[in-house]
C-alpha atoms as a PDB file:
ATOM      1  CA  MET A   1       2.831 -14.012  14.736  1.00  0.00           C
ATOM      2  CA  SER A   2       1.728 -10.973  16.736  1.00  0.00           C
ATOM      3  CA  ALA A   3       0.443  -7.765  15.197  1.00  0.00           C
ATOM      4  CA  PRO A   4       0.287  -4.222  16.583  1.00  0.00           C
ATOM      5  CA  PHE A   5      -2.938  -3.325  18.379  1.00  0.00           C
ATOM      6  CA  VAL A   6      -4.855  -0.647  16.499  1.00  0.00           C
ATOM      7  CA  THR A   7      -8.424   0.073  17.556  1.00  0.00           C
ATOM      8  CA  THR A   8     -11.288  -0.293  15.105  1.00  0.00           C
ATOM      9  CA  PRO A   9     -13.520   2.828  15.073  1.00  0.00           C
ATOM     10  CA  ASP A  10     -16.992   2.186  16.504  1.00  0.00           C
ATOM     11  CA  GLU A  11     -18.649   3.130  13.200  1.00  0.00           C
ATOM     12  CA  VAL A  12     -16.574   0.473  11.455  1.00  0.00           C
ATOM     13  CA  VAL A  13     -17.429  -2.147  14.081  1.00  0.00           C
ATOM     14  CA  ALA A  14     -21.135  -1.517  13.543  1.00  0.00           C
ATOM     15  CA  GLU A  15     -20.815  -1.643   9.752  1.00  0.00           C
ATOM     16  CA  MET A  16     -18.748  -4.849   9.817  1.00  0.00           C
ATOM     17  CA  LEU A  17     -21.376  -6.650  11.852  1.00  0.00           C
ATOM     18  CA  ALA A  18     -24.250  -5.202   9.830  1.00  0.00           C
ATOM     19  CA  LEU A  19     -22.607  -6.113   6.515  1.00  0.00           C
ATOM     20  CA  ALA A  20     -22.304  -9.704   7.760  1.00  0.00           C
ATOM     21  CA  GLY A  21     -26.016  -9.715   8.597  1.00  0.00           C
ATOM     22  CA  THR A  22     -25.229 -10.558  12.220  1.00  0.00           C
ATOM     23  CA  GLY A  23     -28.198 -11.697  14.305  1.00  0.00           C
ATOM     24  CA  ARG A  24     -29.222 -13.606  17.423  1.00  0.00           C
ATOM     25  CA  ASP A  25     -28.521 -17.000  15.884  1.00  0.00           C
ATOM     26  CA  ASP A  26     -24.921 -16.151  14.990  1.00  0.00           C
ATOM     27  CA  TYR A  27     -21.689 -17.124  16.655  1.00  0.00           C
ATOM     28  CA  VAL A  28     -19.040 -14.487  15.954  1.00  0.00           C
ATOM     29  CA  ILE A  29     -15.298 -15.107  16.186  1.00  0.00           C
ATOM     30  CA  ASP A  30     -13.044 -12.051  16.139  1.00  0.00           C
ATOM     31  CA  LEU A  31      -9.445 -12.865  15.270  1.00  0.00           C
ATOM     32  CA  GLY A  32      -7.075 -10.420  16.936  1.00  0.00           C
ATOM     33  CA  SER A  33      -9.812  -9.099  19.207  1.00  0.00           C
ATOM     34  CA  GLY A  34      -7.858  -6.333  20.958  1.00  0.00           C
ATOM     35  CA  ASP A  35     -10.036  -4.686  23.603  1.00  0.00           C
ATOM     36  CA  GLY A  36     -13.004  -6.900  22.675  1.00  0.00           C
ATOM     37  CA  ARG A  37     -15.178  -4.243  21.103  1.00  0.00           C
ATOM     38  CA  ILE A  38     -16.361  -6.296  18.100  1.00  0.00           C
ATOM     39  CA  VAL A  39     -17.511  -9.330  20.100  1.00  0.00           C
ATOM     40  CA  ILE A  40     -19.056  -7.061  22.744  1.00  0.00           C
ATOM     41  CA  ALA A  41     -20.947  -5.091  20.066  1.00  0.00           C
ATOM     42  CA  ALA A  42     -22.128  -8.332  18.442  1.00  0.00           C
ATOM     43  CA  ALA A  43     -23.568  -9.428  21.785  1.00  0.00           C
ATOM     44  CA  ARG A  44     -24.959  -6.088  22.955  1.00  0.00           C
ATOM     45  CA  ARG A  45     -26.307  -4.637  19.693  1.00  0.00           C
ATOM     46  CA  PHE A  46     -27.099  -7.747  17.653  1.00  0.00           C
ATOM     47  CA  GLY A  47     -27.864 -10.363  20.306  1.00  0.00           C
ATOM     48  CA  ALA A  48     -25.205 -12.780  19.051  1.00  0.00           C
ATOM     49  CA  ARG A  49     -22.767 -14.919  20.988  1.00  0.00           C
ATOM     50  CA  GLY A  50     -19.072 -14.762  20.285  1.00  0.00           C
ATOM     51  CA  LEU A  51     -15.423 -15.421  20.971  1.00  0.00           C
ATOM     52  CA  GLY A  52     -12.484 -13.056  20.731  1.00  0.00           C
ATOM     53  CA  VAL A  53      -8.924 -14.373  20.515  1.00  0.00           C
ATOM     54  CA  ASP A  54      -5.722 -12.414  20.984  1.00  0.00           C
ATOM     55  CA  LEU A  55      -2.106 -13.207  21.851  1.00  0.00           C
ATOM     56  CA  ASP A  56      -1.886 -10.329  24.331  1.00  0.00           C
ATOM     57  CA  ALA A  57      -3.011 -11.546  27.774  1.00  0.00           C
ATOM     58  CA  LYS A  58      -3.452  -7.974  29.021  1.00  0.00           C
ATOM     59  CA  LEU A  59      -5.850  -7.177  26.174  1.00  0.00           C
ATOM     60  CA  VAL A  60      -7.790 -10.387  26.825  1.00  0.00           C
ATOM     61  CA  ALA A  61      -8.122  -9.416  30.487  1.00  0.00           C
ATOM     62  CA  LEU A  62      -9.283  -5.933  29.440  1.00  0.00           C
ATOM     63  CA  SER A  63     -11.816  -7.479  27.032  1.00  0.00           C
ATOM     64  CA  ARG A  64     -13.312  -9.617  29.794  1.00  0.00           C
ATOM     65  CA  GLU A  65     -13.579  -6.555  32.013  1.00  0.00           C
ATOM     66  CA  ASN A  66     -15.224  -4.578  29.185  1.00  0.00           C
ATOM     67  CA  ALA A  67     -17.705  -7.395  28.571  1.00  0.00           C
ATOM     68  CA  ARG A  68     -18.684  -7.435  32.239  1.00  0.00           C
ATOM     69  CA  GLY A  69     -19.104  -3.661  32.157  1.00  0.00           C
ATOM     70  CA  ALA A  70     -21.339  -3.941  29.093  1.00  0.00           C
ATOM     71  CA  GLY A  71     -23.432  -6.664  30.745  1.00  0.00           C
ATOM     72  CA  VAL A  72     -22.688  -9.288  28.093  1.00  0.00           C
ATOM     73  CA  ALA A  73     -20.040 -11.439  29.793  1.00  0.00           C
ATOM     74  CA  GLU A  74     -22.242 -14.536  29.457  1.00  0.00           C
ATOM     75  CA  ARG A  75     -22.344 -14.133  25.659  1.00  0.00           C
ATOM     76  CA  ALA A  76     -18.858 -12.755  24.992  1.00  0.00           C
ATOM     77  CA  GLU A  77     -15.888 -15.042  25.654  1.00  0.00           C
ATOM     78  CA  PHE A  78     -12.212 -14.099  25.296  1.00  0.00           C
ATOM     79  CA  ARG A  79      -9.122 -16.305  25.146  1.00  0.00           C
ATOM     80  CA  VAL A  80      -5.374 -15.908  24.864  1.00  0.00           C
ATOM     81  CA  GLN A  81      -4.969 -17.765  21.601  1.00  0.00           C
ATOM     82  CA  ASP A  82      -3.251 -17.638  18.214  1.00  0.00           C
ATOM     83  CA  ALA A  83      -5.636 -16.629  15.422  1.00  0.00           C
ATOM     84  CA  LEU A  84      -3.917 -19.101  13.089  1.00  0.00           C
ATOM     85  CA  ARG A  85      -4.674 -21.956  15.482  1.00  0.00           C
ATOM     86  CA  THR A  86      -8.285 -21.061  16.190  1.00  0.00           C
ATOM     87  CA  ASP A  87     -11.015 -23.554  15.258  1.00  0.00           C
ATOM     88  CA  LEU A  88     -13.413 -21.647  12.994  1.00  0.00           C
ATOM     89  CA  SER A  89     -15.903 -24.469  12.397  1.00  0.00           C
ATOM     90  CA  ARG A  90     -18.410 -23.121  14.941  1.00  0.00           C
ATOM     91  CA  ALA A  91     -18.383 -19.563  13.565  1.00  0.00           C
ATOM     92  CA  SER A  92     -21.135 -18.240  11.335  1.00  0.00           C
ATOM     93  CA  VAL A  93     -19.374 -14.852  11.261  1.00  0.00           C
ATOM     94  CA  VAL A  94     -15.624 -14.204  11.448  1.00  0.00           C
ATOM     95  CA  THR A  95     -14.256 -10.673  11.756  1.00  0.00           C
ATOM     96  CA  ILE A  96     -10.622  -9.831  11.046  1.00  0.00           C
ATOM     97  CA  TYR A  97      -8.460  -6.751  11.400  1.00  0.00           C
ATOM     98  CA  LEU A  98      -4.970  -8.138  10.924  1.00  0.00           C
ATOM     99  CA  LEU A  99      -2.000  -7.518   8.674  1.00  0.00           C
ATOM    100  CA  PRO A 100      -2.216  -8.822   5.075  1.00  0.00           C
ATOM    101  CA  GLN A 101       0.274 -11.654   5.636  1.00  0.00           C
ATOM    102  CA  LEU A 102      -1.847 -13.057   8.468  1.00  0.00           C
ATOM    103  CA  ILE A 103      -5.046 -12.678   6.476  1.00  0.00           C
ATOM    104  CA  ASN A 104      -3.556 -14.620   3.578  1.00  0.00           C
ATOM    105  CA  GLU A 105      -2.416 -17.363   5.959  1.00  0.00           C
ATOM    106  CA  LEU A 106      -5.948 -17.545   7.351  1.00  0.00           C
ATOM    107  CA  GLN A 107      -7.617 -17.906   3.939  1.00  0.00           C
ATOM    108  CA  PRO A 108      -7.222 -21.719   3.644  1.00  0.00           C
ATOM    109  CA  ARG A 109      -8.597 -22.141   7.174  1.00  0.00           C
ATOM    110  CA  VAL A 110     -11.613 -20.026   6.239  1.00  0.00           C
ATOM    111  CA  LEU A 111     -12.328 -22.045   3.092  1.00  0.00           C
ATOM    112  CA  ASP A 112     -11.738 -25.475   4.612  1.00  0.00           C
ATOM    113  CA  GLY A 113     -12.728 -24.887   8.225  1.00  0.00           C
ATOM    114  CA  MET A 114     -15.944 -22.857   7.973  1.00  0.00           C
ATOM    115  CA  GLN A 115     -19.375 -23.987   6.863  1.00  0.00           C
ATOM    116  CA  PRO A 116     -20.726 -22.862   3.476  1.00  0.00           C
ATOM    117  CA  GLY A 117     -22.783 -19.714   3.937  1.00  0.00           C
ATOM    118  CA  ALA A 118     -20.665 -18.440   6.831  1.00  0.00           C
ATOM    119  CA  ARG A 119     -19.525 -14.831   6.455  1.00  0.00           C
ATOM    120  CA  VAL A 120     -16.095 -13.283   6.805  1.00  0.00           C
ATOM    121  CA  VAL A 121     -15.582  -9.536   7.179  1.00  0.00           C
ATOM    122  CA  THR A 122     -12.189  -7.857   7.137  1.00  0.00           C
ATOM    123  CA  HIS A 123     -11.282  -4.280   7.914  1.00  0.00           C
ATOM    124  CA  ALA A 124      -8.772  -2.378   5.760  1.00  0.00           C
ATOM    125  CA  PHE A 125      -7.028  -5.453   4.317  1.00  0.00           C
ATOM    126  CA  TYR A 126      -8.435  -8.190   2.082  1.00  0.00           C
ATOM    127  CA  MET A 127      -7.787 -11.783   1.030  1.00  0.00           C
ATOM    128  CA  GLN A 128      -5.822 -11.769  -2.198  1.00  0.00           C
ATOM    129  CA  GLY A 129      -7.130 -13.800  -5.118  1.00  0.00           C
ATOM    130  CA  TRP A 130     -10.617 -14.217  -3.647  1.00  0.00           C
ATOM    131  CA  LYS A 131     -13.027 -11.597  -4.949  1.00  0.00           C
ATOM    132  CA  PRO A 132     -15.143 -10.169  -2.107  1.00  0.00           C
ATOM    133  CA  ASP A 133     -18.917 -10.490  -2.290  1.00  0.00           C
ATOM    134  CA  ALA A 134     -19.295  -6.901  -1.090  1.00  0.00           C
ATOM    135  CA  VAL A 135     -17.108  -3.877  -0.378  1.00  0.00           C
ATOM    136  CA  ARG A 136     -18.231  -0.952   1.742  1.00  0.00           C
ATOM    137  CA  LYS A 137     -16.622   2.415   2.454  1.00  0.00           C
ATOM    138  CA  VAL A 138     -17.236   3.837   5.918  1.00  0.00           C
ATOM    139  CA  ARG A 139     -16.849   7.574   6.422  1.00  0.00           C
ATOM    140  CA  LEU A 140     -15.588   8.249   9.932  1.00  0.00           C
ATOM    141  CA  SER A 141     -17.153  10.919  12.125  1.00  0.00           C
ATOM    142  CA  GLN A 142     -13.710  11.709  13.555  1.00  0.00           C
ATOM    143  CA  ARG A 143     -10.333  11.341  11.927  1.00  0.00           C
ATOM    144  CA  HIS A 144      -8.553   8.164  13.062  1.00  0.00           C
ATOM    145  CA  ALA A 145      -4.819   8.410  13.704  1.00  0.00           C
ATOM    146  CA  SER A 146      -4.066   5.229  11.741  1.00  0.00           C
ATOM    147  CA  GLN A 147      -6.853   5.264   9.132  1.00  0.00           C
ATOM    148  CA  GLY A 148      -7.635   8.867   8.282  1.00  0.00           C
ATOM    149  CA  ASP A 149     -11.218   9.850   7.454  1.00  0.00           C
ATOM    150  CA  GLU A 150     -12.420   6.652   5.777  1.00  0.00           C
ATOM    151  CA  SER A 151     -12.237   2.904   6.261  1.00  0.00           C
ATOM    152  CA  THR A 152     -12.948   0.047   3.866  1.00  0.00           C
ATOM    153  CA  ILE A 153     -14.526  -3.257   4.858  1.00  0.00           C
ATOM    154  CA  TYR A 154     -14.815  -6.421   2.780  1.00  0.00           C
ATOM    155  CA  LEU A 155     -17.329  -9.282   2.947  1.00  0.00           C
ATOM    156  CA  TRP A 156     -16.916 -12.863   1.761  1.00  0.00           C
ATOM    157  CA  ILE A 157     -19.505 -15.618   1.939  1.00  0.00           C
ATOM    158  CA  VAL A 158     -17.888 -19.052   2.222  1.00  0.00           C
ATOM    159  CA  PRO A 159     -18.928 -21.004  -0.896  1.00  0.00           C
ATOM    160  CA  ALA A 160     -19.986 -24.635  -0.996  1.00  0.00           C
ATOM    161  CA  LYS A 161     -17.743 -27.013  -2.919  1.00  0.00           C
ATOM    162  CA  ALA A 162     -19.702 -27.358  -6.157  1.00  0.00           C
ATOM    163  CA  ARG A 163     -16.876 -28.186  -8.565  1.00  0.00           C
ATOM    164  CA  GLY A 164     -17.222 -31.505 -10.375  1.00  0.00           C
ATOM    165  CA  GLU A 165     -19.534 -33.775 -12.335  1.00  0.00           C
ATOM    166  CA  TRP A 166     -23.182 -34.132 -11.349  1.00  0.00           C
ATOM    167  CA  ARG A 167     -26.101 -36.245 -12.657  1.00  0.00           C
ATOM    168  CA  ALA A 168     -29.885 -36.264 -12.218  1.00  0.00           C
ATOM    169  CA  GLU A 169     -32.002 -38.520 -14.417  1.00  0.00           C
ATOM    170  CA  ASP A 170     -30.974 -37.622 -17.988  1.00  0.00           C
ATOM    171  CA  TRP A 171     -29.291 -34.356 -16.915  1.00  0.00           C
ATOM    172  CA  HIS A 172     -25.521 -34.114 -16.756  1.00  0.00           C
ATOM    173  CA  LEU A 173     -23.663 -31.111 -15.299  1.00  0.00           C
ATOM    174  CA  ARG A 174     -20.038 -30.119 -15.171  1.00  0.00           C
ATOM    175  CA  ILE A 175     -19.399 -27.255 -12.750  1.00  0.00           C
ATOM    176  CA  HIS A 176     -16.198 -25.247 -12.868  1.00  0.00           C
ATOM    177  CA  GLN A 177     -15.556 -23.217  -9.714  1.00  0.00           C
ATOM    178  CA  ASN A 178     -13.229 -20.419  -8.642  1.00  0.00           C
ATOM    179  CA  PHE A 179     -14.278 -19.571  -5.093  1.00  0.00           C
ATOM    180  CA  GLN A 180     -17.915 -18.338  -5.439  1.00  0.00           C
ATOM    181  CA  GLU A 181     -17.712 -17.845  -9.194  1.00  0.00           C
ATOM    182  CA  ILE A 182     -18.989 -20.804 -11.215  1.00  0.00           C
ATOM    183  CA  GLU A 183     -19.542 -21.866 -14.808  1.00  0.00           C
ATOM    184  CA  VAL A 184     -21.956 -24.676 -15.637  1.00  0.00           C
ATOM    185  CA  GLU A 185     -21.983 -26.814 -18.757  1.00  0.00           C
ATOM    186  CA  GLY A 186     -23.424 -30.216 -19.547  1.00  0.00           C
ATOM    187  CA  GLY A 187     -26.273 -31.873 -21.383  1.00  0.00           C
ATOM    188  CA  ILE A 188     -29.776 -33.334 -21.190  1.00  0.00           C
ATOM    189  CA  GLY A 189     -30.731 -36.513 -22.964  1.00  0.00           C
ATOM    190  CA  GLY A 190     -27.511 -36.426 -24.952  1.00  0.00           C
ATOM    191  CA  ARG A 191     -28.100 -32.868 -26.171  1.00  0.00           C
ATOM    192  CA  PRO A 192     -25.759 -30.030 -25.167  1.00  0.00           C
ATOM    193  CA  LEU A 193     -27.004 -27.783 -22.395  1.00  0.00           C
ATOM    194  CA  VAL A 194     -26.366 -24.062 -22.859  1.00  0.00           C
ATOM    195  CA  VAL A 195     -26.236 -22.292 -19.478  1.00  0.00           C
ATOM    196  CA  ARG A 196     -26.167 -18.494 -19.623  1.00  0.00           C
ATOM    197  CA  ASN A 197     -26.525 -17.638 -15.954  1.00  0.00           C
ATOM    198  CA  ALA A 198     -24.973 -19.434 -12.991  1.00  0.00           C
ATOM    199  CA  LYS A 199     -24.604 -18.171  -9.430  1.00  0.00           C
ATOM    200  CA  LEU A 200     -23.320 -19.628  -6.173  1.00  0.00           C
ATOM    201  CA  ARG A 201     -23.852 -17.870  -2.849  1.00  0.00           C
ATOM    202  CA  GLY A 202     -22.889 -19.989   0.113  1.00  0.00           C
ATOM    203  CA  MET A 203     -24.876 -23.195  -0.388  1.00  0.00           C
ATOM    204  CA  ALA A 204     -27.458 -21.604  -2.698  1.00  0.00           C
ATOM    205  CA  ILE A 205     -26.982 -22.307  -6.398  1.00  0.00           C
ATOM    206  CA  GLU A 206     -28.895 -21.105  -9.457  1.00  0.00           C
ATOM    207  CA  PHE A 207     -28.417 -21.659 -13.157  1.00  0.00           C
ATOM    208  CA  SER A 208     -30.616 -21.133 -16.166  1.00  0.00           C
ATOM    209  CA  GLY A 209     -30.756 -21.108 -19.941  1.00  0.00           C
ATOM    210  CA  GLU A 210     -33.307 -21.112 -22.720  1.00  0.00           C
ATOM    211  CA  GLY A 211     -36.409 -22.941 -21.487  1.00  0.00           C
ATOM    212  CA  PHE A 212     -35.132 -23.978 -18.053  1.00  0.00           C
ATOM    213  CA  ALA A 213     -34.115 -22.623 -14.653  1.00  0.00           C
ATOM    214  CA  PHE A 214     -32.824 -24.437 -11.584  1.00  0.00           C
ATOM    215  CA  SER A 215     -32.655 -23.184  -8.008  1.00  0.00           C
ATOM    216  CA  GLY A 216     -31.349 -25.266  -5.124  1.00  0.00           C
ATOM    217  CA  ARG A 217     -28.680 -25.894  -2.517  1.00  0.00           C
ATOM    218  CA  VAL A 218     -25.360 -27.689  -2.564  1.00  0.00           C
ATOM    219  CA  ASN A 219     -25.160 -30.091   0.349  1.00  0.00           C
ATOM    220  CA  GLY A 220     -22.104 -32.294   0.263  1.00  0.00           C
ATOM    221  CA  GLU A 221     -22.588 -34.897  -2.456  1.00  0.00           C
ATOM    222  CA  ARG A 222     -26.017 -33.632  -3.530  1.00  0.00           C
ATOM    223  CA  ILE A 223     -27.528 -30.568  -5.159  1.00  0.00           C
ATOM    224  CA  ALA A 224     -31.238 -30.531  -4.356  1.00  0.00           C
ATOM    225  CA  GLY A 225     -33.802 -28.032  -5.573  1.00  0.00           C
ATOM    226  CA  GLU A 226     -36.416 -27.336  -8.233  1.00  0.00           C
ATOM    227  CA  MET A 227     -36.143 -27.376 -11.996  1.00  0.00           C
ATOM    228  CA  THR A 228     -38.572 -25.161 -13.903  1.00  0.00           C
ATOM    229  CA  ARG A 229     -39.399 -26.002 -17.527  1.00  0.00           C
ATOM    230  CA  ALA A 230     -42.375 -24.950 -19.643  1.00  0.00           C
ATOM    231  CA  GLY A 231     -43.846 -23.109 -16.668  1.00  0.00           C
ATOM    232  CA  ALA A 232     -43.851 -26.167 -14.404  1.00  0.00           C
ATOM    233  CA  SER A 233     -41.514 -26.825 -11.478  1.00  0.00           C
ATOM    234  CA  VAL A 234     -40.467 -30.259 -10.298  1.00  0.00           C
ATOM    235  CA  PRO A 235     -38.097 -31.373  -7.520  1.00  0.00           C
ATOM    236  CA  MET A 236     -34.694 -32.471  -8.786  1.00  0.00           C
ATOM    237  CA  THR A 237     -31.602 -33.797  -7.035  1.00  0.00           C
ATOM    238  CA  PHE A 238     -28.199 -33.981  -8.686  1.00  0.00           C
ATOM    239  CA  LYS A 239     -25.687 -36.449  -7.275  1.00  0.00           C
ATOM    240  CA  ARG A 240     -21.964 -36.042  -7.525  1.00  0.00           C
ATOM    241  CA  ARG A 241     -20.352 -38.602  -9.802  1.00  0.00           C
END
């Protein structure tokens, strides 16, 4: 499905990339890249590499010309391609300024096709049902014909798949997950475990309760980190049951 081309103000481009924490090690994919300004800014201002995809061949040609003019053609690639058919597995940052229907169709591809910890930033529209990790208002220096005086951008960090049963020695965990929001319950040595704080951010996971605190990373079938009890920390690895 094609969408009308509406430019993203330069202030918004900069804030989208900054909110995602874009840096030299990132690979940015812009879905519906228009004149290429987001990928070009990622390369020129943040040192990243990137790919812009758009269904409009004329805009893709313009983007390539703009990248050459900005001196970043070797780091900014553009293709005539459907956003809904784009492989996102390589991206550490995905930027989107598309209509809500397209964004909602992209959501499963983001969750299943991107690595945990990757960041997604949308402009103006958001993914329904998935609470953003951050929301930022951008006041525009000049009124935009389509957006007025202010734009809103949204950030999501792709969460690891932590839901399920986990065991480590005499510890037993049951993790309930709704996107990045988690609840942890379980037991230790047959006694109930009361968890008051639990957080998941990308692959990083933390949970704590009276007398204990765990900090680690979810990596496939393992959660590895450190458990702190009575002032002492020891390595601990939970395995998925």
